[in-house]
Amino acid sequence: MSDKMTLRKDVTITLATTIPSDRHLVIDLPADVPVGPAEIRISIPVSPTADEVSPVNPALEIARAKFRAVGSLSTTWKAPEDALILTDEELFKLTEQLAGGASVDEIMKDIRGDW
């Protein structure tokens, strides 16, 4: 028996995988992995909920909160199911009416003046 104690350093191997629908995994380990007892851990990442995600721009979130408080924040990203889709001709007529019959060039000239 030796007076020296041999300490084994723990080795960690991290493998990324996708769990299939049958929930059956087969793992082939490298040849240099020692034979014997081992501990296997499975860590499944959980996507954060909307409440857990930090806002990208805190100033924008403050502005959204103010608009929400006065009932002016729009959270509708799509047109309602019963909304009518305008044809190109109807859209053109509506644009003309809103612009007072002026073309985009005329509106820009009014805004910017002559360059």
PDB file of N, CA and C in Angstrom:
ATOM      1  N   MET A   1       0.827  -1.172   0.000  1.00  0.00           N
ATOM      2  CA  MET A   1       0.000   0.000   0.000  1.00  0.00           C
ATOM      3  C   MET A   1       0.875   1.239   0.000  1.00  0.00           C
ATOM      4  N   SER A   2       0.513   2.230  -0.777  1.00  0.00           N
ATOM      5  CA  SER A   2       1.317   3.436  -0.938  1.00  0.00           C
ATOM      6  C   SER A   2       0.932   4.474   0.099  1.00  0.00           C
ATOM      7  N   ASP A   3       1.933   5.282   0.523  1.00  0.00           N
ATOM      8  CA  ASP A   3       1.671   6.366   1.461  1.00  0.00           C
ATOM      9  C   ASP A   3       0.997   7.550   0.768  1.00  0.00           C
ATOM     10  N   LYS A   4       1.140   7.618  -0.527  1.00  0.00           N
ATOM     11  CA  LYS A   4       0.567   8.734  -1.274  1.00  0.00           C
ATOM     12  C   LYS A   4      -0.865   8.410  -1.677  1.00  0.00           C
ATOM     13  N   MET A   5      -1.736   9.391  -1.506  1.00  0.00           N
ATOM     14  CA  MET A   5      -3.125   9.222  -1.921  1.00  0.00           C
ATOM     15  C   MET A   5      -3.282   9.848  -3.302  1.00  0.00           C
ATOM     16  N   THR A   6      -3.847   9.133  -4.218  1.00  0.00           N
ATOM     17  CA  THR A   6      -4.063   9.650  -5.558  1.00  0.00           C
ATOM     18  C   THR A   6      -5.467  10.240  -5.632  1.00  0.00           C
ATOM     19  N   LEU A   7      -5.534  11.526  -5.962  1.00  0.00           N
ATOM     20  CA  LEU A   7      -6.828  12.183  -6.111  1.00  0.00           C
ATOM     21  C   LEU A   7      -7.189  12.237  -7.584  1.00  0.00           C
ATOM     22  N   ARG A   8      -8.397  11.840  -7.873  1.00  0.00           N
ATOM     23  CA  ARG A   8      -8.883  11.915  -9.245  1.00  0.00           C
ATOM     24  C   ARG A   8      -9.614  13.227  -9.441  1.00  0.00           C
ATOM     25  N   LYS A   9      -9.314  13.906 -10.494  1.00  0.00           N
ATOM     26  CA  LYS A   9      -9.989  15.155 -10.812  1.00  0.00           C
ATOM     27  C   LYS A   9     -11.291  14.826 -11.537  1.00  0.00           C
ATOM     28  N   ASP A  10     -12.384  15.473 -11.097  1.00  0.00           N
ATOM     29  CA  ASP A  10     -13.660  15.258 -11.779  1.00  0.00           C
ATOM     30  C   ASP A  10     -13.586  15.802 -13.198  1.00  0.00           C
ATOM     31  N   VAL A  11     -14.172  15.074 -14.105  1.00  0.00           N
ATOM     32  CA  VAL A  11     -14.229  15.481 -15.501  1.00  0.00           C
ATOM     33  C   VAL A  11     -15.695  15.706 -15.846  1.00  0.00           C
ATOM     34  N   THR A  12     -15.978  16.835 -16.475  1.00  0.00           N
ATOM     35  CA  THR A  12     -17.343  17.134 -16.886  1.00  0.00           C
ATOM     36  C   THR A  12     -17.404  17.141 -18.401  1.00  0.00           C
ATOM     37  N   ILE A  13     -18.353  16.419 -18.941  1.00  0.00           N
ATOM     38  CA  ILE A  13     -18.581  16.397 -20.382  1.00  0.00           C
ATOM     39  C   ILE A  13     -19.978  16.960 -20.603  1.00  0.00           C
ATOM     40  N   THR A  14     -20.075  17.974 -21.431  1.00  0.00           N
ATOM     41  CA  THR A  14     -21.372  18.577 -21.719  1.00  0.00           C
ATOM     42  C   THR A  14     -21.763  18.223 -23.142  1.00  0.00           C
ATOM     43  N   LEU A  15     -22.929  17.645 -23.287  1.00  0.00           N
ATOM     44  CA  LEU A  15     -23.447  17.268 -24.599  1.00  0.00           C
ATOM     45  C   LEU A  15     -24.754  18.013 -24.837  1.00  0.00           C
ATOM     46  N   ALA A  16     -24.930  18.550 -26.019  1.00  0.00           N
ATOM     47  CA  ALA A  16     -26.195  19.189 -26.377  1.00  0.00           C
ATOM     48  C   ALA A  16     -26.986  18.205 -27.229  1.00  0.00           C
ATOM     49  N   THR A  17     -28.258  18.093 -26.954  1.00  0.00           N
ATOM     50  CA  THR A  17     -29.093  17.162 -27.706  1.00  0.00           C
ATOM     51  C   THR A  17     -30.518  17.674 -27.751  1.00  0.00           C
ATOM     52  N   THR A  18     -31.327  17.040 -28.557  1.00  0.00           N
ATOM     53  CA  THR A  18     -32.756  17.302 -28.600  1.00  0.00           C
ATOM     54  C   THR A  18     -33.451  16.022 -28.177  1.00  0.00           C
ATOM     55  N   ILE A  19     -34.344  16.141 -27.226  1.00  0.00           N
ATOM     56  CA  ILE A  19     -35.048  14.956 -26.740  1.00  0.00           C
ATOM     57  C   ILE A  19     -36.131  14.596 -27.756  1.00  0.00           C
ATOM     58  N   PRO A  20     -36.078  13.377 -28.309  1.00  0.00           N
ATOM     59  CA  PRO A  20     -37.076  12.976 -29.309  1.00  0.00           C
ATOM     60  C   PRO A  20     -38.416  12.649 -28.654  1.00  0.00           C
ATOM     61  N   SER A  21     -39.433  12.473 -29.483  1.00  0.00           N
ATOM     62  CA  SER A  21     -40.780  12.218 -28.962  1.00  0.00           C
ATOM     63  C   SER A  21     -40.869  10.924 -28.159  1.00  0.00           C
ATOM     64  N   ASP A  22     -40.000   9.940 -28.454  1.00  0.00           N
ATOM     65  CA  ASP A  22     -40.045   8.694 -27.675  1.00  0.00           C
ATOM     66  C   ASP A  22     -39.246   8.811 -26.372  1.00  0.00           C
ATOM     67  N   ARG A  23     -38.611   9.987 -26.173  1.00  0.00           N
ATOM     68  CA  ARG A  23     -37.842  10.285 -24.961  1.00  0.00           C
ATOM     69  C   ARG A  23     -36.753   9.244 -24.678  1.00  0.00           C
ATOM     70  N   HIS A  24     -36.135   8.750 -25.727  1.00  0.00           N
ATOM     71  CA  HIS A  24     -35.090   7.738 -25.615  1.00  0.00           C
ATOM     72  C   HIS A  24     -33.787   8.334 -26.140  1.00  0.00           C
ATOM     73  N   LEU A  25     -32.760   8.378 -25.293  1.00  0.00           N
ATOM     74  CA  LEU A  25     -31.458   8.903 -25.695  1.00  0.00           C
ATOM     75  C   LEU A  25     -30.424   7.791 -25.681  1.00  0.00           C
ATOM     76  N   VAL A  26     -29.551   7.785 -26.672  1.00  0.00           N
ATOM     77  CA  VAL A  26     -28.421   6.871 -26.718  1.00  0.00           C
ATOM     78  C   VAL A  26     -27.177   7.746 -26.777  1.00  0.00           C
ATOM     79  N   ILE A  27     -26.253   7.533 -25.844  1.00  0.00           N
ATOM     80  CA  ILE A  27     -25.063   8.374 -25.765  1.00  0.00           C
ATOM     81  C   ILE A  27     -23.825   7.515 -25.974  1.00  0.00           C
ATOM     82  N   ASP A  28     -23.039   7.845 -26.990  1.00  0.00           N
ATOM     83  CA  ASP A  28     -21.750   7.197 -27.207  1.00  0.00           C
ATOM     84  C   ASP A  28     -20.688   8.113 -26.623  1.00  0.00           C
ATOM     85  N   LEU A  29     -19.956   7.611 -25.641  1.00  0.00           N
ATOM     86  CA  LEU A  29     -18.933   8.411 -24.977  1.00  0.00           C
ATOM     87  C   LEU A  29     -17.580   8.206 -25.642  1.00  0.00           C
ATOM     88  N   PRO A  30     -16.710   9.216 -25.541  1.00  0.00           N
ATOM     89  CA  PRO A  30     -15.361   9.071 -26.101  1.00  0.00           C
ATOM     90  C   PRO A  30     -14.615   7.919 -25.427  1.00  0.00           C
ATOM     91  N   ALA A  31     -13.653   7.352 -26.121  1.00  0.00           N
ATOM     92  CA  ALA A  31     -12.904   6.185 -25.634  1.00  0.00           C
ATOM     93  C   ALA A  31     -12.097   6.488 -24.376  1.00  0.00           C
ATOM     94  N   ASP A  32     -11.727   7.763 -24.165  1.00  0.00           N
ATOM     95  CA  ASP A  32     -10.907   8.088 -22.995  1.00  0.00           C
ATOM     96  C   ASP A  32     -11.719   8.307 -21.717  1.00  0.00           C
ATOM     97  N   VAL A  33     -13.039   8.132 -21.778  1.00  0.00           N
ATOM     98  CA  VAL A  33     -13.866   8.252 -20.575  1.00  0.00           C
ATOM     99  C   VAL A  33     -13.664   6.988 -19.747  1.00  0.00           C
ATOM    100  N   PRO A  34     -13.276   7.152 -18.465  1.00  0.00           N
ATOM    101  CA  PRO A  34     -13.017   5.967 -17.643  1.00  0.00           C
ATOM    102  C   PRO A  34     -14.293   5.171 -17.371  1.00  0.00           C
ATOM    103  N   VAL A  35     -14.124   3.880 -17.261  1.00  0.00           N
ATOM    104  CA  VAL A  35     -15.230   2.978 -16.947  1.00  0.00           C
ATOM    105  C   VAL A  35     -15.475   3.041 -15.446  1.00  0.00           C
ATOM    106  N   GLY A  36     -16.730   3.010 -15.027  1.00  0.00           N
ATOM    107  CA  GLY A  36     -17.045   3.031 -13.604  1.00  0.00           C
ATOM    108  C   GLY A  36     -18.220   3.942 -13.326  1.00  0.00           C
ATOM    109  N   PRO A  37     -18.457   4.216 -12.053  1.00  0.00           N
ATOM    110  CA  PRO A  37     -19.610   5.035 -11.677  1.00  0.00           C
ATOM    111  C   PRO A  37     -19.531   6.435 -12.282  1.00  0.00           C
ATOM    112  N   ALA A  38     -20.679   6.968 -12.627  1.00  0.00           N
ATOM    113  CA  ALA A  38     -20.769   8.323 -13.181  1.00  0.00           C
ATOM    114  C   ALA A  38     -22.114   8.906 -12.779  1.00  0.00           C
ATOM    115  N   GLU A  39     -22.210  10.185 -12.847  1.00  0.00           N
ATOM    116  CA  GLU A  39     -23.462  10.870 -12.542  1.00  0.00           C
ATOM    117  C   GLU A  39     -23.931  11.558 -13.813  1.00  0.00           C
ATOM    118  N   ILE A  40     -25.177  11.332 -14.196  1.00  0.00           N
ATOM    119  CA  ILE A  40     -25.729  11.949 -15.400  1.00  0.00           C
ATOM    120  C   ILE A  40     -26.798  12.940 -14.970  1.00  0.00           C
ATOM    121  N   ARG A  41     -26.694  14.160 -15.471  1.00  0.00           N
ATOM    122  CA  ARG A  41     -27.681  15.202 -15.171  1.00  0.00           C
ATOM    123  C   ARG A  41     -28.307  15.658 -16.478  1.00  0.00           C
ATOM    124  N   ILE A  42     -29.601  15.878 -16.445  1.00  0.00           N
ATOM    125  CA  ILE A  42     -30.304  16.397 -17.613  1.00  0.00           C
ATOM    126  C   ILE A  42     -30.857  17.761 -17.232  1.00  0.00           C
ATOM    127  N   SER A  43     -30.445  18.773 -17.960  1.00  0.00           N
ATOM    128  CA  SER A  43     -30.889  20.141 -17.707  1.00  0.00           C
ATOM    129  C   SER A  43     -31.708  20.601 -18.903  1.00  0.00           C
ATOM    130  N   ILE A  44     -32.961  20.935 -18.660  1.00  0.00           N
ATOM    131  CA  ILE A  44     -33.849  21.361 -19.739  1.00  0.00           C
ATOM    132  C   ILE A  44     -34.060  22.866 -19.603  1.00  0.00           C
ATOM    133  N   PRO A  45     -33.572  23.652 -20.582  1.00  0.00           N
ATOM    134  CA  PRO A  45     -33.741  25.103 -20.490  1.00  0.00           C
ATOM    135  C   PRO A  45     -35.210  25.490 -20.614  1.00  0.00           C
ATOM    136  N   VAL A  46     -35.612  26.449 -19.810  1.00  0.00           N
ATOM    137  CA  VAL A  46     -36.988  26.929 -19.829  1.00  0.00           C
ATOM    138  C   VAL A  46     -36.977  28.334 -20.409  1.00  0.00           C
ATOM    139  N   SER A  47     -37.836  28.578 -21.386  1.00  0.00           N
ATOM    140  CA  SER A  47     -37.927  29.909 -21.971  1.00  0.00           C
ATOM    141  C   SER A  47     -38.541  30.860 -20.954  1.00  0.00           C
ATOM    142  N   PRO A  48     -37.979  32.061 -20.824  1.00  0.00           N
ATOM    143  CA  PRO A  48     -38.543  33.008 -19.867  1.00  0.00           C
ATOM    144  C   PRO A  48     -39.910  33.496 -20.326  1.00  0.00           C
ATOM    145  N   THR A  49     -40.769  33.805 -19.377  1.00  0.00           N
ATOM    146  CA  THR A  49     -42.074  34.367 -19.718  1.00  0.00           C
ATOM    147  C   THR A  49     -41.887  35.835 -20.057  1.00  0.00           C
ATOM    148  N   ALA A  50     -42.914  36.453 -20.604  1.00  0.00           N
ATOM    149  CA  ALA A  50     -42.834  37.863 -20.982  1.00  0.00           C
ATOM    150  C   ALA A  50     -42.516  38.738 -19.772  1.00  0.00           C
ATOM    151  N   ASP A  51     -42.999  38.356 -18.578  1.00  0.00           N
ATOM    152  CA  ASP A  51     -42.743  39.141 -17.372  1.00  0.00           C
ATOM    153  C   ASP A  51     -41.286  39.047 -16.926  1.00  0.00           C
ATOM    154  N   GLU A  52     -40.608  37.942 -17.262  1.00  0.00           N
ATOM    155  CA  GLU A  52     -39.234  37.732 -16.824  1.00  0.00           C
ATOM    156  C   GLU A  52     -38.212  38.374 -17.755  1.00  0.00           C
ATOM    157  N   VAL A  53     -38.618  38.695 -18.978  1.00  0.00           N
ATOM    158  CA  VAL A  53     -37.696  39.274 -19.946  1.00  0.00           C
ATOM    159  C   VAL A  53     -37.519  40.752 -19.623  1.00  0.00           C
ATOM    160  N   SER A  54     -36.270  41.175 -19.483  1.00  0.00           N
ATOM    161  CA  SER A  54     -36.034  42.582 -19.182  1.00  0.00           C
ATOM    162  C   SER A  54     -36.276  43.407 -20.438  1.00  0.00           C
ATOM    163  N   PRO A  55     -36.835  44.596 -20.282  1.00  0.00           N
ATOM    164  CA  PRO A  55     -37.121  45.424 -21.452  1.00  0.00           C
ATOM    165  C   PRO A  55     -35.839  45.826 -22.168  1.00  0.00           C
ATOM    166  N   VAL A  56     -35.934  45.920 -23.486  1.00  0.00           N
ATOM    167  CA  VAL A  56     -34.777  46.296 -24.291  1.00  0.00           C
ATOM    168  C   VAL A  56     -34.422  47.755 -24.047  1.00  0.00           C
ATOM    169  N   ASN A  57     -35.449  48.596 -23.941  1.00  0.00           N
ATOM    170  CA  ASN A  57     -35.234  50.022 -23.751  1.00  0.00           C
ATOM    171  C   ASN A  57     -36.120  50.487 -22.595  1.00  0.00           C
ATOM    172  N   PRO A  58     -35.556  50.726 -21.413  1.00  0.00           N
ATOM    173  CA  PRO A  58     -36.364  51.121 -20.258  1.00  0.00           C
ATOM    174  C   PRO A  58     -37.183  52.390 -20.502  1.00  0.00           C
ATOM    175  N   ALA A  59     -36.638  53.362 -21.235  1.00  0.00           N
ATOM    176  CA  ALA A  59     -37.378  54.601 -21.512  1.00  0.00           C
ATOM    177  C   ALA A  59     -38.620  54.301 -22.344  1.00  0.00           C
ATOM    178  N   LEU A  60     -38.493  53.377 -23.291  1.00  0.00           N
ATOM    179  CA  LEU A  60     -39.631  52.988 -24.118  1.00  0.00           C
ATOM    180  C   LEU A  60     -40.698  52.306 -23.271  1.00  0.00           C
ATOM    181  N   GLU A  61     -40.279  51.467 -22.331  1.00  0.00           N
ATOM    182  CA  GLU A  61     -41.235  50.788 -21.455  1.00  0.00           C
ATOM    183  C   GLU A  61     -41.959  51.783 -20.553  1.00  0.00           C
ATOM    184  N   ILE A  62     -41.270  52.831 -20.110  1.00  0.00           N
ATOM    185  CA  ILE A  62     -41.907  53.876 -19.294  1.00  0.00           C
ATOM    186  C   ILE A  62     -42.965  54.596 -20.124  1.00  0.00           C
ATOM    187  N   ALA A  63     -42.621  54.922 -21.380  1.00  0.00           N
ATOM    188  CA  ALA A  63     -43.579  55.587 -22.266  1.00  0.00           C
ATOM    189  C   ALA A  63     -44.789  54.692 -22.520  1.00  0.00           C
ATOM    190  N   ARG A  64     -44.551  53.398 -22.750  1.00  0.00           N
ATOM    191  CA  ARG A  64     -45.663  52.464 -22.963  1.00  0.00           C
ATOM    192  C   ARG A  64     -46.571  52.416 -21.739  1.00  0.00           C
ATOM    193  N   ALA A  65     -45.974  52.408 -20.547  1.00  0.00           N
ATOM    194  CA  ALA A  65     -46.767  52.370 -19.316  1.00  0.00           C
ATOM    195  C   ALA A  65     -47.647  53.611 -19.205  1.00  0.00           C
ATOM    196  N   LYS A  66     -47.114  54.771 -19.590  1.00  0.00           N
ATOM    197  CA  LYS A  66     -47.902  56.011 -19.534  1.00  0.00           C
ATOM    198  C   LYS A  66     -49.055  55.964 -20.536  1.00  0.00           C
ATOM    199  N   PHE A  67     -48.776  55.504 -21.761  1.00  0.00           N
ATOM    200  CA  PHE A  67     -49.847  55.382 -22.757  1.00  0.00           C
ATOM    201  C   PHE A  67     -50.903  54.379 -22.304  1.00  0.00           C
ATOM    202  N   ARG A  68     -50.443  53.259 -21.709  1.00  0.00           N
ATOM    203  CA  ARG A  68     -51.374  52.239 -21.219  1.00  0.00           C
ATOM    204  C   ARG A  68     -52.267  52.823 -20.122  1.00  0.00           C
ATOM    205  N   ALA A  69     -51.686  53.636 -19.230  1.00  0.00           N
ATOM    206  CA  ALA A  69     -52.425  54.211 -18.104  1.00  0.00           C
ATOM    207  C   ALA A  69     -53.559  55.120 -18.562  1.00  0.00           C
ATOM    208  N   VAL A  70     -53.374  55.813 -19.677  1.00  0.00           N
ATOM    209  CA  VAL A  70     -54.429  56.712 -20.166  1.00  0.00           C
ATOM    210  C   VAL A  70     -55.268  56.065 -21.261  1.00  0.00           C
ATOM    211  N   GLY A  71     -55.040  54.771 -21.501  1.00  0.00           N
ATOM    212  CA  GLY A  71     -55.854  54.041 -22.476  1.00  0.00           C
ATOM    213  C   GLY A  71     -55.492  54.315 -23.918  1.00  0.00           C
ATOM    214  N   SER A  72     -54.273  54.781 -24.171  1.00  0.00           N
ATOM    215  CA  SER A  72     -53.868  55.117 -25.541  1.00  0.00           C
ATOM    216  C   SER A  72     -52.855  54.152 -26.135  1.00  0.00           C
ATOM    217  N   LEU A  73     -52.525  53.075 -25.430  1.00  0.00           N
ATOM    218  CA  LEU A  73     -51.549  52.126 -25.955  1.00  0.00           C
ATOM    219  C   LEU A  73     -52.253  51.099 -26.823  1.00  0.00           C
ATOM    220  N   SER A  74     -51.850  51.024 -28.077  1.00  0.00           N
ATOM    221  CA  SER A  74     -52.420  50.035 -28.987  1.00  0.00           C
ATOM    222  C   SER A  74     -51.625  48.744 -28.873  1.00  0.00           C
ATOM    223  N   THR A  75     -52.310  47.657 -28.584  1.00  0.00           N
ATOM    224  CA  THR A  75     -51.660  46.349 -28.525  1.00  0.00           C
ATOM    225  C   THR A  75     -52.153  45.449 -29.649  1.00  0.00           C
ATOM    226  N   THR A  76     -52.899  46.024 -30.579  1.00  0.00           N
ATOM    227  CA  THR A  76     -53.407  45.269 -31.718  1.00  0.00           C
ATOM    228  C   THR A  76     -52.361  45.294 -32.814  1.00  0.00           C
ATOM    229  N   TRP A  77     -51.851  44.130 -33.162  1.00  0.00           N
ATOM    230  CA  TRP A  77     -50.808  44.051 -34.175  1.00  0.00           C
ATOM    231  C   TRP A  77     -51.357  43.665 -35.534  1.00  0.00           C
ATOM    232  N   LYS A  78     -52.578  43.202 -35.569  1.00  0.00           N
ATOM    233  CA  LYS A  78     -53.190  42.789 -36.827  1.00  0.00           C
ATOM    234  C   LYS A  78     -54.563  43.433 -36.938  1.00  0.00           C
ATOM    235  N   ALA A  79     -55.031  43.516 -38.166  1.00  0.00           N
ATOM    236  CA  ALA A  79     -56.376  44.039 -38.379  1.00  0.00           C
ATOM    237  C   ALA A  79     -57.384  43.045 -37.803  1.00  0.00           C
ATOM    238  N   PRO A  80     -58.533  43.532 -37.339  1.00  0.00           N
ATOM    239  CA  PRO A  80     -59.559  42.615 -36.831  1.00  0.00           C
ATOM    240  C   PRO A  80     -59.987  41.622 -37.911  1.00  0.00           C
ATOM    241  N   GLU A  81     -60.508  40.488 -37.481  1.00  0.00           N
ATOM    242  CA  GLU A  81     -60.926  39.432 -38.408  1.00  0.00           C
ATOM    243  C   GLU A  81     -61.935  39.936 -39.441  1.00  0.00           C
ATOM    244  N   ASP A  82     -62.836  40.855 -39.028  1.00  0.00           N
ATOM    245  CA  ASP A  82     -63.891  41.324 -39.927  1.00  0.00           C
ATOM    246  C   ASP A  82     -63.499  42.583 -40.710  1.00  0.00           C
ATOM    247  N   ALA A  83     -62.229  42.978 -40.648  1.00  0.00           N
ATOM    248  CA  ALA A  83     -61.780  44.178 -41.362  1.00  0.00           C
ATOM    249  C   ALA A  83     -61.815  43.942 -42.868  1.00  0.00           C
ATOM    250  N   LEU A  84     -62.190  44.986 -43.601  1.00  0.00           N
ATOM    251  CA  LEU A  84     -62.218  44.902 -45.058  1.00  0.00           C
ATOM    252  C   LEU A  84     -60.852  45.282 -45.607  1.00  0.00           C
ATOM    253  N   ILE A  85     -60.363  44.509 -46.542  1.00  0.00           N
ATOM    254  CA  ILE A  85     -59.079  44.804 -47.172  1.00  0.00           C
ATOM    255  C   ILE A  85     -59.345  45.685 -48.380  1.00  0.00           C
ATOM    256  N   LEU A  86     -58.688  46.841 -48.408  1.00  0.00           N
ATOM    257  CA  LEU A  86     -58.897  47.777 -49.505  1.00  0.00           C
ATOM    258  C   LEU A  86     -58.158  47.321 -50.754  1.00  0.00           C
ATOM    259  N   THR A  87     -58.786  47.567 -51.896  1.00  0.00           N
ATOM    260  CA  THR A  87     -58.101  47.307 -53.161  1.00  0.00           C
ATOM    261  C   THR A  87     -57.085  48.421 -53.372  1.00  0.00           C
ATOM    262  N   ASP A  88     -56.174  48.232 -54.316  1.00  0.00           N
ATOM    263  CA  ASP A  88     -55.186  49.274 -54.610  1.00  0.00           C
ATOM    264  C   ASP A  88     -55.875  50.567 -55.037  1.00  0.00           C
ATOM    265  N   GLU A  89     -56.951  50.439 -55.807  1.00  0.00           N
ATOM    266  CA  GLU A  89     -57.683  51.625 -56.275  1.00  0.00           C
ATOM    267  C   GLU A  89     -58.324  52.364 -55.097  1.00  0.00           C
ATOM    268  N   GLU A  90     -58.955  51.620 -54.174  1.00  0.00           N
ATOM    269  CA  GLU A  90     -59.572  52.246 -53.002  1.00  0.00           C
ATOM    270  C   GLU A  90     -58.521  52.915 -52.119  1.00  0.00           C
ATOM    271  N   LEU A  91     -57.389  52.278 -51.970  1.00  0.00           N
ATOM    272  CA  LEU A  91     -56.304  52.833 -51.168  1.00  0.00           C
ATOM    273  C   LEU A  91     -55.774  54.119 -51.796  1.00  0.00           C
ATOM    274  N   PHE A  92     -55.651  54.131 -53.122  1.00  0.00           N
ATOM    275  CA  PHE A  92     -55.183  55.320 -53.835  1.00  0.00           C
ATOM    276  C   PHE A  92     -56.169  56.472 -53.648  1.00  0.00           C
ATOM    277  N   LYS A  93     -57.486  56.175 -53.778  1.00  0.00           N
ATOM    278  CA  LYS A  93     -58.510  57.213 -53.606  1.00  0.00           C
ATOM    279  C   LYS A  93     -58.482  57.772 -52.183  1.00  0.00           C
ATOM    280  N   LEU A  94     -58.333  56.898 -51.197  1.00  0.00           N
ATOM    281  CA  LEU A  94     -58.278  57.329 -49.806  1.00  0.00           C
ATOM    282  C   LEU A  94     -57.061  58.224 -49.572  1.00  0.00           C
ATOM    283  N   THR A  95     -55.934  57.844 -50.142  1.00  0.00           N
ATOM    284  CA  THR A  95     -54.715  58.638 -50.006  1.00  0.00           C
ATOM    285  C   THR A  95     -54.904  60.015 -50.626  1.00  0.00           C
ATOM    286  N   GLU A  96     -55.550  60.067 -51.784  1.00  0.00           N
ATOM    287  CA  GLU A  96     -55.821  61.355 -52.437  1.00  0.00           C
ATOM    288  C   GLU A  96     -56.713  62.228 -51.566  1.00  0.00           C
ATOM    289  N   GLN A  97     -57.746  61.614 -50.971  1.00  0.00           N
ATOM    290  CA  GLN A  97     -58.671  62.377 -50.128  1.00  0.00           C
ATOM    291  C   GLN A  97     -57.956  62.931 -48.898  1.00  0.00           C
ATOM    292  N   LEU A  98     -57.117  62.115 -48.284  1.00  0.00           N
ATOM    293  CA  LEU A  98     -56.401  62.562 -47.089  1.00  0.00           C
ATOM    294  C   LEU A  98     -55.381  63.644 -47.417  1.00  0.00           C
ATOM    295  N   ALA A  99     -54.807  63.575 -48.605  1.00  0.00           N
ATOM    296  CA  ALA A  99     -53.795  64.551 -49.005  1.00  0.00           C
ATOM    297  C   ALA A  99     -54.418  65.754 -49.693  1.00  0.00           C
ATOM    298  N   GLY A 100     -55.743  65.797 -49.776  1.00  0.00           N
ATOM    299  CA  GLY A 100     -56.407  66.924 -50.432  1.00  0.00           C
ATOM    300  C   GLY A 100     -56.194  66.932 -51.928  1.00  0.00           C
ATOM    301  N   GLY A 101     -55.955  65.767 -52.516  1.00  0.00           N
ATOM    302  CA  GLY A 101     -55.772  65.670 -53.959  1.00  0.00           C
ATOM    303  C   GLY A 101     -54.356  65.972 -54.411  1.00  0.00           C
ATOM    304  N   ALA A 102     -53.475  66.327 -53.493  1.00  0.00           N
ATOM    305  CA  ALA A 102     -52.099  66.656 -53.868  1.00  0.00           C
ATOM    306  C   ALA A 102     -51.274  65.381 -54.021  1.00  0.00           C
ATOM    307  N   SER A 103     -50.301  65.432 -54.916  1.00  0.00           N
ATOM    308  CA  SER A 103     -49.403  64.291 -55.089  1.00  0.00           C
ATOM    309  C   SER A 103     -48.370  64.305 -53.962  1.00  0.00           C
ATOM    310  N   VAL A 104     -47.665  63.217 -53.811  1.00  0.00           N
ATOM    311  CA  VAL A 104     -46.618  63.137 -52.793  1.00  0.00           C
ATOM    312  C   VAL A 104     -45.559  64.202 -53.049  1.00  0.00           C
ATOM    313  N   ASP A 105     -45.210  64.411 -54.322  1.00  0.00           N
ATOM    314  CA  ASP A 105     -44.215  65.436 -54.661  1.00  0.00           C
ATOM    315  C   ASP A 105     -44.678  66.823 -54.209  1.00  0.00           C
ATOM    316  N   GLU A 106     -45.963  67.113 -54.416  1.00  0.00           N
ATOM    317  CA  GLU A 106     -46.490  68.422 -54.022  1.00  0.00           C
ATOM    318  C   GLU A 106     -46.492  68.577 -52.497  1.00  0.00           C
ATOM    319  N   ILE A 107     -46.853  67.514 -51.799  1.00  0.00           N
ATOM    320  CA  ILE A 107     -46.861  67.565 -50.331  1.00  0.00           C
ATOM    321  C   ILE A 107     -45.448  67.789 -49.804  1.00  0.00           C
ATOM    322  N   MET A 108     -44.474  67.069 -50.367  1.00  0.00           N
ATOM    323  CA  MET A 108     -43.087  67.219 -49.924  1.00  0.00           C
ATOM    324  C   MET A 108     -42.571  68.626 -50.226  1.00  0.00           C
ATOM    325  N   LYS A 109     -42.966  69.179 -51.365  1.00  0.00           N
ATOM    326  CA  LYS A 109     -42.538  70.537 -51.715  1.00  0.00           C
ATOM    327  C   LYS A 109     -43.130  71.539 -50.726  1.00  0.00           C
ATOM    328  N   ASP A 110     -44.404  71.318 -50.316  1.00  0.00           N
ATOM    329  CA  ASP A 110     -45.031  72.198 -49.326  1.00  0.00           C
ATOM    330  C   ASP A 110     -44.311  72.115 -47.986  1.00  0.00           C
ATOM    331  N   ILE A 111     -43.901  70.913 -47.610  1.00  0.00           N
ATOM    332  CA  ILE A 111     -43.236  70.723 -46.320  1.00  0.00           C
ATOM    333  C   ILE A 111     -41.823  71.296 -46.348  1.00  0.00           C
ATOM    334  N   ARG A 112     -41.065  70.973 -47.388  1.00  0.00           N
ATOM    335  CA  ARG A 112     -39.645  71.337 -47.446  1.00  0.00           C
ATOM    336  C   ARG A 112     -39.381  72.675 -48.126  1.00  0.00           C
ATOM    337  N   GLY A 113     -40.288  73.071 -48.987  1.00  0.00           N
ATOM    338  CA  GLY A 113     -40.025  74.268 -49.777  1.00  0.00           C
ATOM    339  C   GLY A 113     -39.113  73.922 -50.943  1.00  0.00           C
ATOM    340  N   ASP A 114     -38.730  74.925 -51.709  1.00  0.00           N
ATOM    341  CA  ASP A 114     -37.815  74.689 -52.828  1.00  0.00           C
ATOM    342  C   ASP A 114     -36.405  74.491 -52.299  1.00  0.00           C
ATOM    343  N   TRP A 115     -35.741  73.514 -52.806  1.00  0.00           N
ATOM    344  CA  TRP A 115     -34.373  73.241 -52.357  1.00  0.00           C
ATOM    345  C   TRP A 115     -33.459  74.072 -53.155  1.00  0.00           C
TER     346      TRP A 115
END
